[in-house]
Amino acid sequence: MGKIKDLKESVQDKYRGKIRERAITQAKARIALSERKFEDFSEDELEIIVKDEEDKVKRSLKQTGVVALLITLGLA
């Protein structure tokens, strides 16, 4: 039972890391489009921006998953 739990946690950590990387990339793009320089943001502001981008990535993945499920079921 411990191996399954360890596997589950390692998969979750892997995907959390990928989501975080994608969110950071999108946050960098968002900052580049703003009129402020990267250095003008406080650490807290940067964390808020990255968290917001993480939420957007997660929402997008959920929507994609639902659409894929509906297509699979023939309901779309």
PDB file of N, CA and C in Angstrom:
ATOM      1  N   MET A   1       0.825  -1.195   0.000  1.00  0.00           N
ATOM      2  CA  MET A   1       0.000   0.000   0.000  1.00  0.00           C
ATOM      3  C   MET A   1       0.870   1.260   0.000  1.00  0.00           C
ATOM      4  N   GLY A   2       2.028   1.189   0.657  1.00  0.00           N
ATOM      5  CA  GLY A   2       2.932   2.330   0.719  1.00  0.00           C
ATOM      6  C   GLY A   2       3.504   2.699  -0.631  1.00  0.00           C
ATOM      7  N   LYS A   3       3.745   1.679  -1.469  1.00  0.00           N
ATOM      8  CA  LYS A   3       4.305   1.943  -2.798  1.00  0.00           C
ATOM      9  C   LYS A   3       3.314   2.717  -3.652  1.00  0.00           C
ATOM     10  N   ILE A   4       2.041   2.366  -3.545  1.00  0.00           N
ATOM     11  CA  ILE A   4       1.014   3.058  -4.329  1.00  0.00           C
ATOM     12  C   ILE A   4       0.919   4.514  -3.887  1.00  0.00           C
ATOM     13  N   LYS A   5       0.975   4.729  -2.585  1.00  0.00           N
ATOM     14  CA  LYS A   5       0.907   6.090  -2.057  1.00  0.00           C
ATOM     15  C   LYS A   5       2.121   6.897  -2.510  1.00  0.00           C
ATOM     16  N   ASP A   6       3.304   6.284  -2.462  1.00  0.00           N
ATOM     17  CA  ASP A   6       4.523   6.959  -2.908  1.00  0.00           C
ATOM     18  C   ASP A   6       4.453   7.294  -4.393  1.00  0.00           C
ATOM     19  N   LEU A   7       3.932   6.364  -5.184  1.00  0.00           N
ATOM     20  CA  LEU A   7       3.796   6.593  -6.622  1.00  0.00           C
ATOM     21  C   LEU A   7       2.835   7.744  -6.889  1.00  0.00           C
ATOM     22  N   LYS A   8       1.711   7.734  -6.179  1.00  0.00           N
ATOM     23  CA  LYS A   8       0.718   8.799  -6.342  1.00  0.00           C
ATOM     24  C   LYS A   8       1.327  10.158  -6.007  1.00  0.00           C
ATOM     25  N   GLU A   9       2.058  10.220  -4.896  1.00  0.00           N
ATOM     26  CA  GLU A   9       2.680  11.480  -4.487  1.00  0.00           C
ATOM     27  C   GLU A   9       3.742  11.939  -5.477  1.00  0.00           C
ATOM     28  N   SER A  10       4.503  11.000  -6.022  1.00  0.00           N
ATOM     29  CA  SER A  10       5.544  11.392  -6.979  1.00  0.00           C
ATOM     30  C   SER A  10       4.923  11.920  -8.271  1.00  0.00           C
ATOM     31  N   VAL A  11       3.823  11.308  -8.706  1.00  0.00           N
ATOM     32  CA  VAL A  11       3.132  11.784  -9.910  1.00  0.00           C
ATOM     33  C   VAL A  11       2.535  13.165  -9.652  1.00  0.00           C
ATOM     34  N   GLN A  12       1.916  13.346  -8.485  1.00  0.00           N
ATOM     35  CA  GLN A  12       1.344  14.651  -8.148  1.00  0.00           C
ATOM     36  C   GLN A  12       2.423  15.724  -8.085  1.00  0.00           C
ATOM     37  N   ASP A  13       3.552  15.407  -7.477  1.00  0.00           N
ATOM     38  CA  ASP A  13       4.654  16.368  -7.391  1.00  0.00           C
ATOM     39  C   ASP A  13       5.178  16.732  -8.774  1.00  0.00           C
ATOM     40  N   LYS A  14       5.264  15.738  -9.642  1.00  0.00           N
ATOM     41  CA  LYS A  14       5.743  15.968 -11.003  1.00  0.00           C
ATOM     42  C   LYS A  14       4.824  16.952 -11.729  1.00  0.00           C
ATOM     43  N   TYR A  15       3.512  16.720 -11.639  1.00  0.00           N
ATOM     44  CA  TYR A  15       2.576  17.588 -12.340  1.00  0.00           C
ATOM     45  C   TYR A  15       2.465  18.960 -11.695  1.00  0.00           C
ATOM     46  N   ARG A  16       2.583  19.026 -10.382  1.00  0.00           N
ATOM     47  CA  ARG A  16       2.603  20.335  -9.718  1.00  0.00           C
ATOM     48  C   ARG A  16       3.800  21.148 -10.204  1.00  0.00           C
ATOM     49  N   GLY A  17       4.939  20.482 -10.361  1.00  0.00           N
ATOM     50  CA  GLY A  17       6.134  21.157 -10.853  1.00  0.00           C
ATOM     51  C   GLY A  17       5.961  21.663 -12.271  1.00  0.00           C
ATOM     52  N   LYS A  18       5.358  20.836 -13.122  1.00  0.00           N
ATOM     53  CA  LYS A  18       5.127  21.245 -14.514  1.00  0.00           C
ATOM     54  C   LYS A  18       4.154  22.414 -14.583  1.00  0.00           C
ATOM     55  N   ILE A  19       3.097  22.357 -13.765  1.00  0.00           N
ATOM     56  CA  ILE A  19       2.125  23.449 -13.736  1.00  0.00           C
ATOM     57  C   ILE A  19       2.802  24.722 -13.255  1.00  0.00           C
ATOM     58  N   ARG A  20       3.639  24.604 -12.240  1.00  0.00           N
ATOM     59  CA  ARG A  20       4.353  25.759 -11.690  1.00  0.00           C
ATOM     60  C   ARG A  20       5.285  26.363 -12.741  1.00  0.00           C
ATOM     61  N   GLU A  21       6.011  25.516 -13.474  1.00  0.00           N
ATOM     62  CA  GLU A  21       6.913  26.006 -14.525  1.00  0.00           C
ATOM     63  C   GLU A  21       6.142  26.767 -15.596  1.00  0.00           C
ATOM     64  N   ARG A  22       5.017  26.204 -16.015  1.00  0.00           N
ATOM     65  CA  ARG A  22       4.203  26.858 -17.041  1.00  0.00           C
ATOM     66  C   ARG A  22       3.651  28.188 -16.522  1.00  0.00           C
ATOM     67  N   ALA A  23       3.239  28.202 -15.257  1.00  0.00           N
ATOM     68  CA  ALA A  23       2.719  29.427 -14.656  1.00  0.00           C
ATOM     69  C   ALA A  23       3.802  30.498 -14.577  1.00  0.00           C
ATOM     70  N   ILE A  24       5.017  30.101 -14.254  1.00  0.00           N
ATOM     71  CA  ILE A  24       6.120  31.060 -14.178  1.00  0.00           C
ATOM     72  C   ILE A  24       6.405  31.643 -15.558  1.00  0.00           C
ATOM     73  N   THR A  25       6.375  30.800 -16.577  1.00  0.00           N
ATOM     74  CA  THR A  25       6.585  31.278 -17.949  1.00  0.00           C
ATOM     75  C   THR A  25       5.508  32.286 -18.335  1.00  0.00           C
ATOM     76  N   GLN A  26       4.259  31.966 -18.011  1.00  0.00           N
ATOM     77  CA  GLN A  26       3.163  32.880 -18.336  1.00  0.00           C
ATOM     78  C   GLN A  26       3.247  34.161 -17.510  1.00  0.00           C
ATOM     79  N   ALA A  27       3.697  34.043 -16.268  1.00  0.00           N
ATOM     80  CA  ALA A  27       3.853  35.226 -15.421  1.00  0.00           C
ATOM     81  C   ALA A  27       4.935  36.143 -15.991  1.00  0.00           C
ATOM     82  N   LYS A  28       6.018  35.556 -16.484  1.00  0.00           N
ATOM     83  CA  LYS A  28       7.081  36.360 -17.099  1.00  0.00           C
ATOM     84  C   LYS A  28       6.541  37.112 -18.309  1.00  0.00           C
ATOM     85  N   ALA A  29       5.724  36.446 -19.109  1.00  0.00           N
ATOM     86  CA  ALA A  29       5.129  37.100 -20.274  1.00  0.00           C
ATOM     87  C   ALA A  29       4.191  38.220 -19.833  1.00  0.00           C
ATOM     88  N   ARG A  30       3.409  37.958 -18.805  1.00  0.00           N
ATOM     89  CA  ARG A  30       2.480  38.965 -18.275  1.00  0.00           C
ATOM     90  C   ARG A  30       3.240  40.185 -17.763  1.00  0.00           C
ATOM     91  N   ILE A  31       4.354  39.954 -17.086  1.00  0.00           N
ATOM     92  CA  ILE A  31       5.166  41.056 -16.567  1.00  0.00           C
ATOM     93  C   ILE A  31       5.803  41.825 -17.721  1.00  0.00           C
ATOM     94  N   ALA A  32       6.242  41.105 -18.745  1.00  0.00           N
ATOM     95  CA  ALA A  32       6.858  41.761 -19.903  1.00  0.00           C
ATOM     96  C   ALA A  32       5.859  42.673 -20.613  1.00  0.00           C
ATOM     97  N   LEU A  33       4.590  42.285 -20.608  1.00  0.00           N
ATOM     98  CA  LEU A  33       3.565  43.097 -21.261  1.00  0.00           C
ATOM     99  C   LEU A  33       3.122  44.287 -20.411  1.00  0.00           C
ATOM    100  N   SER A  34       3.407  44.229 -19.125  1.00  0.00           N
ATOM    101  CA  SER A  34       3.035  45.347 -18.256  1.00  0.00           C
ATOM    102  C   SER A  34       4.030  46.486 -18.464  1.00  0.00           C
ATOM    103  N   GLU A  35       3.681  47.623 -17.962  1.00  0.00           N
ATOM    104  CA  GLU A  35       4.548  48.784 -18.145  1.00  0.00           C
ATOM    105  C   GLU A  35       5.605  48.892 -17.055  1.00  0.00           C
ATOM    106  N   ARG A  36       5.583  47.966 -16.109  1.00  0.00           N
ATOM    107  CA  ARG A  36       6.559  47.982 -15.014  1.00  0.00           C
ATOM    108  C   ARG A  36       7.699  47.020 -15.316  1.00  0.00           C
ATOM    109  N   LYS A  37       8.846  47.304 -14.723  1.00  0.00           N
ATOM    110  CA  LYS A  37       9.992  46.416 -14.867  1.00  0.00           C
ATOM    111  C   LYS A  37       9.888  45.292 -13.846  1.00  0.00           C
ATOM    112  N   PHE A  38      10.568  44.202 -14.133  1.00  0.00           N
ATOM    113  CA  PHE A  38      10.564  43.043 -13.238  1.00  0.00           C
ATOM    114  C   PHE A  38      11.033  43.431 -11.837  1.00  0.00           C
ATOM    115  N   GLU A  39      12.026  44.289 -11.775  1.00  0.00           N
ATOM    116  CA  GLU A  39      12.601  44.702 -10.498  1.00  0.00           C
ATOM    117  C   GLU A  39      11.642  45.548  -9.668  1.00  0.00           C
ATOM    118  N   ASP A  40      10.631  46.133 -10.319  1.00  0.00           N
ATOM    119  CA  ASP A  40       9.675  46.986  -9.615  1.00  0.00           C
ATOM    120  C   ASP A  40       8.676  46.186  -8.778  1.00  0.00           C
ATOM    121  N   PHE A  41       8.580  44.898  -9.019  1.00  0.00           N
ATOM    122  CA  PHE A  41       7.629  44.059  -8.294  1.00  0.00           C
ATOM    123  C   PHE A  41       8.266  43.535  -7.009  1.00  0.00           C
ATOM    124  N   SER A  42       7.483  43.532  -5.946  1.00  0.00           N
ATOM    125  CA  SER A  42       7.970  42.936  -4.700  1.00  0.00           C
ATOM    126  C   SER A  42       7.850  41.416  -4.815  1.00  0.00           C
ATOM    127  N   GLU A  43       8.486  40.721  -3.898  1.00  0.00           N
ATOM    128  CA  GLU A  43       8.426  39.260  -3.909  1.00  0.00           C
ATOM    129  C   GLU A  43       6.986  38.775  -3.731  1.00  0.00           C
ATOM    130  N   ASP A  44       6.237  39.466  -2.882  1.00  0.00           N
ATOM    131  CA  ASP A  44       4.834  39.099  -2.662  1.00  0.00           C
ATOM    132  C   ASP A  44       4.002  39.300  -3.927  1.00  0.00           C
ATOM    133  N   GLU A  45       4.239  40.405  -4.625  1.00  0.00           N
ATOM    134  CA  GLU A  45       3.504  40.661  -5.863  1.00  0.00           C
ATOM    135  C   GLU A  45       3.811  39.594  -6.912  1.00  0.00           C
ATOM    136  N   LEU A  46       5.078  39.214  -7.009  1.00  0.00           N
ATOM    137  CA  LEU A  46       5.461  38.179  -7.969  1.00  0.00           C
ATOM    138  C   LEU A  46       4.787  36.851  -7.630  1.00  0.00           C
ATOM    139  N   GLU A  47       4.743  36.519  -6.346  1.00  0.00           N
ATOM    140  CA  GLU A  47       4.104  35.277  -5.923  1.00  0.00           C
ATOM    141  C   GLU A  47       2.612  35.296  -6.236  1.00  0.00           C
ATOM    142  N   ILE A  48       1.969  36.439  -6.053  1.00  0.00           N
ATOM    143  CA  ILE A  48       0.547  36.566  -6.371  1.00  0.00           C
ATOM    144  C   ILE A  48       0.319  36.382  -7.868  1.00  0.00           C
ATOM    145  N   ILE A  49       1.178  36.971  -8.678  1.00  0.00           N
ATOM    146  CA  ILE A  49       1.051  36.835 -10.132  1.00  0.00           C
ATOM    147  C   ILE A  49       1.222  35.377 -10.547  1.00  0.00           C
ATOM    148  N   VAL A  50       2.231  34.707  -9.990  1.00  0.00           N
ATOM    149  CA  VAL A  50       2.473  33.299 -10.334  1.00  0.00           C
ATOM    150  C   VAL A  50       1.303  32.437  -9.870  1.00  0.00           C
ATOM    151  N   LYS A  51       0.777  32.702  -8.679  1.00  0.00           N
ATOM    152  CA  LYS A  51      -0.371  31.940  -8.162  1.00  0.00           C
ATOM    153  C   LYS A  51      -1.582  32.124  -9.069  1.00  0.00           C
ATOM    154  N   ASP A  52      -1.807  33.347  -9.519  1.00  0.00           N
ATOM    155  CA  ASP A  52      -2.914  33.623 -10.431  1.00  0.00           C
ATOM    156  C   ASP A  52      -2.735  32.850 -11.735  1.00  0.00           C
ATOM    157  N   GLU A  53      -1.520  32.827 -12.243  1.00  0.00           N
ATOM    158  CA  GLU A  53      -1.246  32.087 -13.476  1.00  0.00           C
ATOM    159  C   GLU A  53      -1.396  30.580 -13.255  1.00  0.00           C
ATOM    160  N   GLU A  54      -1.002  30.089 -12.079  1.00  0.00           N
ATOM    161  CA  GLU A  54      -1.200  28.669 -11.757  1.00  0.00           C
ATOM    162  C   GLU A  54      -2.679  28.318 -11.791  1.00  0.00           C
ATOM    163  N   ASP A  55      -3.497  29.188 -11.205  1.00  0.00           N
ATOM    164  CA  ASP A  55      -4.940  28.954 -11.206  1.00  0.00           C
ATOM    165  C   ASP A  55      -5.485  28.913 -12.632  1.00  0.00           C
ATOM    166  N   LYS A  56      -4.984  29.801 -13.482  1.00  0.00           N
ATOM    167  CA  LYS A  56      -5.419  29.814 -14.882  1.00  0.00           C
ATOM    168  C   LYS A  56      -5.024  28.520 -15.594  1.00  0.00           C
ATOM    169  N   VAL A  57      -3.806  28.048 -15.346  1.00  0.00           N
ATOM    170  CA  VAL A  57      -3.335  26.806 -15.971  1.00  0.00           C
ATOM    171  C   VAL A  57      -4.192  25.635 -15.506  1.00  0.00           C
ATOM    172  N   LYS A  58      -4.459  25.557 -14.207  1.00  0.00           N
ATOM    173  CA  LYS A  58      -5.283  24.468 -13.669  1.00  0.00           C
ATOM    174  C   LYS A  58      -6.689  24.505 -14.253  1.00  0.00           C
ATOM    175  N   ARG A  59      -7.266  25.702 -14.340  1.00  0.00           N
ATOM    176  CA  ARG A  59      -8.606  25.854 -14.910  1.00  0.00           C
ATOM    177  C   ARG A  59      -8.623  25.394 -16.365  1.00  0.00           C
ATOM    178  N   SER A  60      -7.599  25.772 -17.109  1.00  0.00           N
ATOM    179  CA  SER A  60      -7.499  25.377 -18.511  1.00  0.00           C
ATOM    180  C   SER A  60      -7.391  23.860 -18.648  1.00  0.00           C
ATOM    181  N   LEU A  61      -6.588  23.238 -17.790  1.00  0.00           N
ATOM    182  CA  LEU A  61      -6.440  21.782 -17.832  1.00  0.00           C
ATOM    183  C   LEU A  61      -7.751  21.079 -17.493  1.00  0.00           C
ATOM    184  N   LYS A  62      -8.479  21.617 -16.520  1.00  0.00           N
ATOM    185  CA  LYS A  62      -9.770  21.029 -16.149  1.00  0.00           C
ATOM    186  C   LYS A  62     -10.758  21.127 -17.303  1.00  0.00           C
ATOM    187  N   GLN A  63     -10.813  22.295 -17.944  1.00  0.00           N
ATOM    188  CA  GLN A  63     -11.730  22.477 -19.068  1.00  0.00           C
ATOM    189  C   GLN A  63     -11.379  21.538 -20.212  1.00  0.00           C
ATOM    190  N   THR A  64     -10.094  21.400 -20.483  1.00  0.00           N
ATOM    191  CA  THR A  64      -9.646  20.497 -21.537  1.00  0.00           C
ATOM    192  C   THR A  64     -10.027  19.062 -21.207  1.00  0.00           C
ATOM    193  N   GLY A  65      -9.867  18.681 -19.946  1.00  0.00           N
ATOM    194  CA  GLY A  65     -10.223  17.330 -19.516  1.00  0.00           C
ATOM    195  C   GLY A  65     -11.706  17.062 -19.649  1.00  0.00           C
ATOM    196  N   VAL A  66     -12.527  18.033 -19.292  1.00  0.00           N
ATOM    197  CA  VAL A  66     -13.978  17.866 -19.403  1.00  0.00           C
ATOM    198  C   VAL A  66     -14.383  17.738 -20.865  1.00  0.00           C
ATOM    199  N   VAL A  67     -13.820  18.569 -21.715  1.00  0.00           N
ATOM    200  CA  VAL A  67     -14.139  18.497 -23.148  1.00  0.00           C
ATOM    201  C   VAL A  67     -13.711  17.150 -23.719  1.00  0.00           C
ATOM    202  N   ALA A  68     -12.529  16.687 -23.342  1.00  0.00           N
ATOM    203  CA  ALA A  68     -12.054  15.387 -23.827  1.00  0.00           C
ATOM    204  C   ALA A  68     -12.981  14.271 -23.361  1.00  0.00           C
ATOM    205  N   LEU A  69     -13.436  14.353 -22.122  1.00  0.00           N
ATOM    206  CA  LEU A  69     -14.365  13.351 -21.600  1.00  0.00           C
ATOM    207  C   LEU A  69     -15.683  13.385 -22.358  1.00  0.00           C
ATOM    208  N   LEU A  70     -16.202  14.573 -22.614  1.00  0.00           N
ATOM    209  CA  LEU A  70     -17.460  14.689 -23.351  1.00  0.00           C
ATOM    210  C   LEU A  70     -17.327  14.167 -24.776  1.00  0.00           C
ATOM    211  N   ILE A  71     -16.198  14.449 -25.399  1.00  0.00           N
ATOM    212  CA  ILE A  71     -15.967  13.943 -26.755  1.00  0.00           C
ATOM    213  C   ILE A  71     -15.910  12.425 -26.732  1.00  0.00           C
ATOM    214  N   THR A  72     -15.223  11.882 -25.727  1.00  0.00           N
ATOM    215  CA  THR A  72     -15.122  10.427 -25.599  1.00  0.00           C
ATOM    216  C   THR A  72     -16.499   9.800 -25.425  1.00  0.00           C
ATOM    217  N   LEU A  73     -17.344  10.457 -24.651  1.00  0.00           N
ATOM    218  CA  LEU A  73     -18.688   9.937 -24.416  1.00  0.00           C
ATOM    219  C   LEU A  73     -19.647  10.263 -25.562  1.00  0.00           C
ATOM    220  N   GLY A  74     -19.192  11.077 -26.497  1.00  0.00           N
ATOM    221  CA  GLY A  74     -20.021  11.422 -27.651  1.00  0.00           C
ATOM    222  C   GLY A  74     -21.064  12.471 -27.337  1.00  0.00           C
ATOM    223  N   LEU A  75     -20.826  13.280 -26.324  1.00  0.00           N
ATOM    224  CA  LEU A  75     -21.805  14.278 -25.916  1.00  0.00           C
ATOM    225  C   LEU A  75     -21.490  15.681 -26.402  1.00  0.00           C
ATOM    226  N   ALA A  76     -20.353  15.857 -26.999  1.00  0.00           N
ATOM    227  CA  ALA A  76     -19.974  17.210 -27.419  1.00  0.00           C
ATOM    228  C   ALA A  76     -20.499  17.525 -28.795  1.00  0.00           C
TER     229      ALA A  76
END
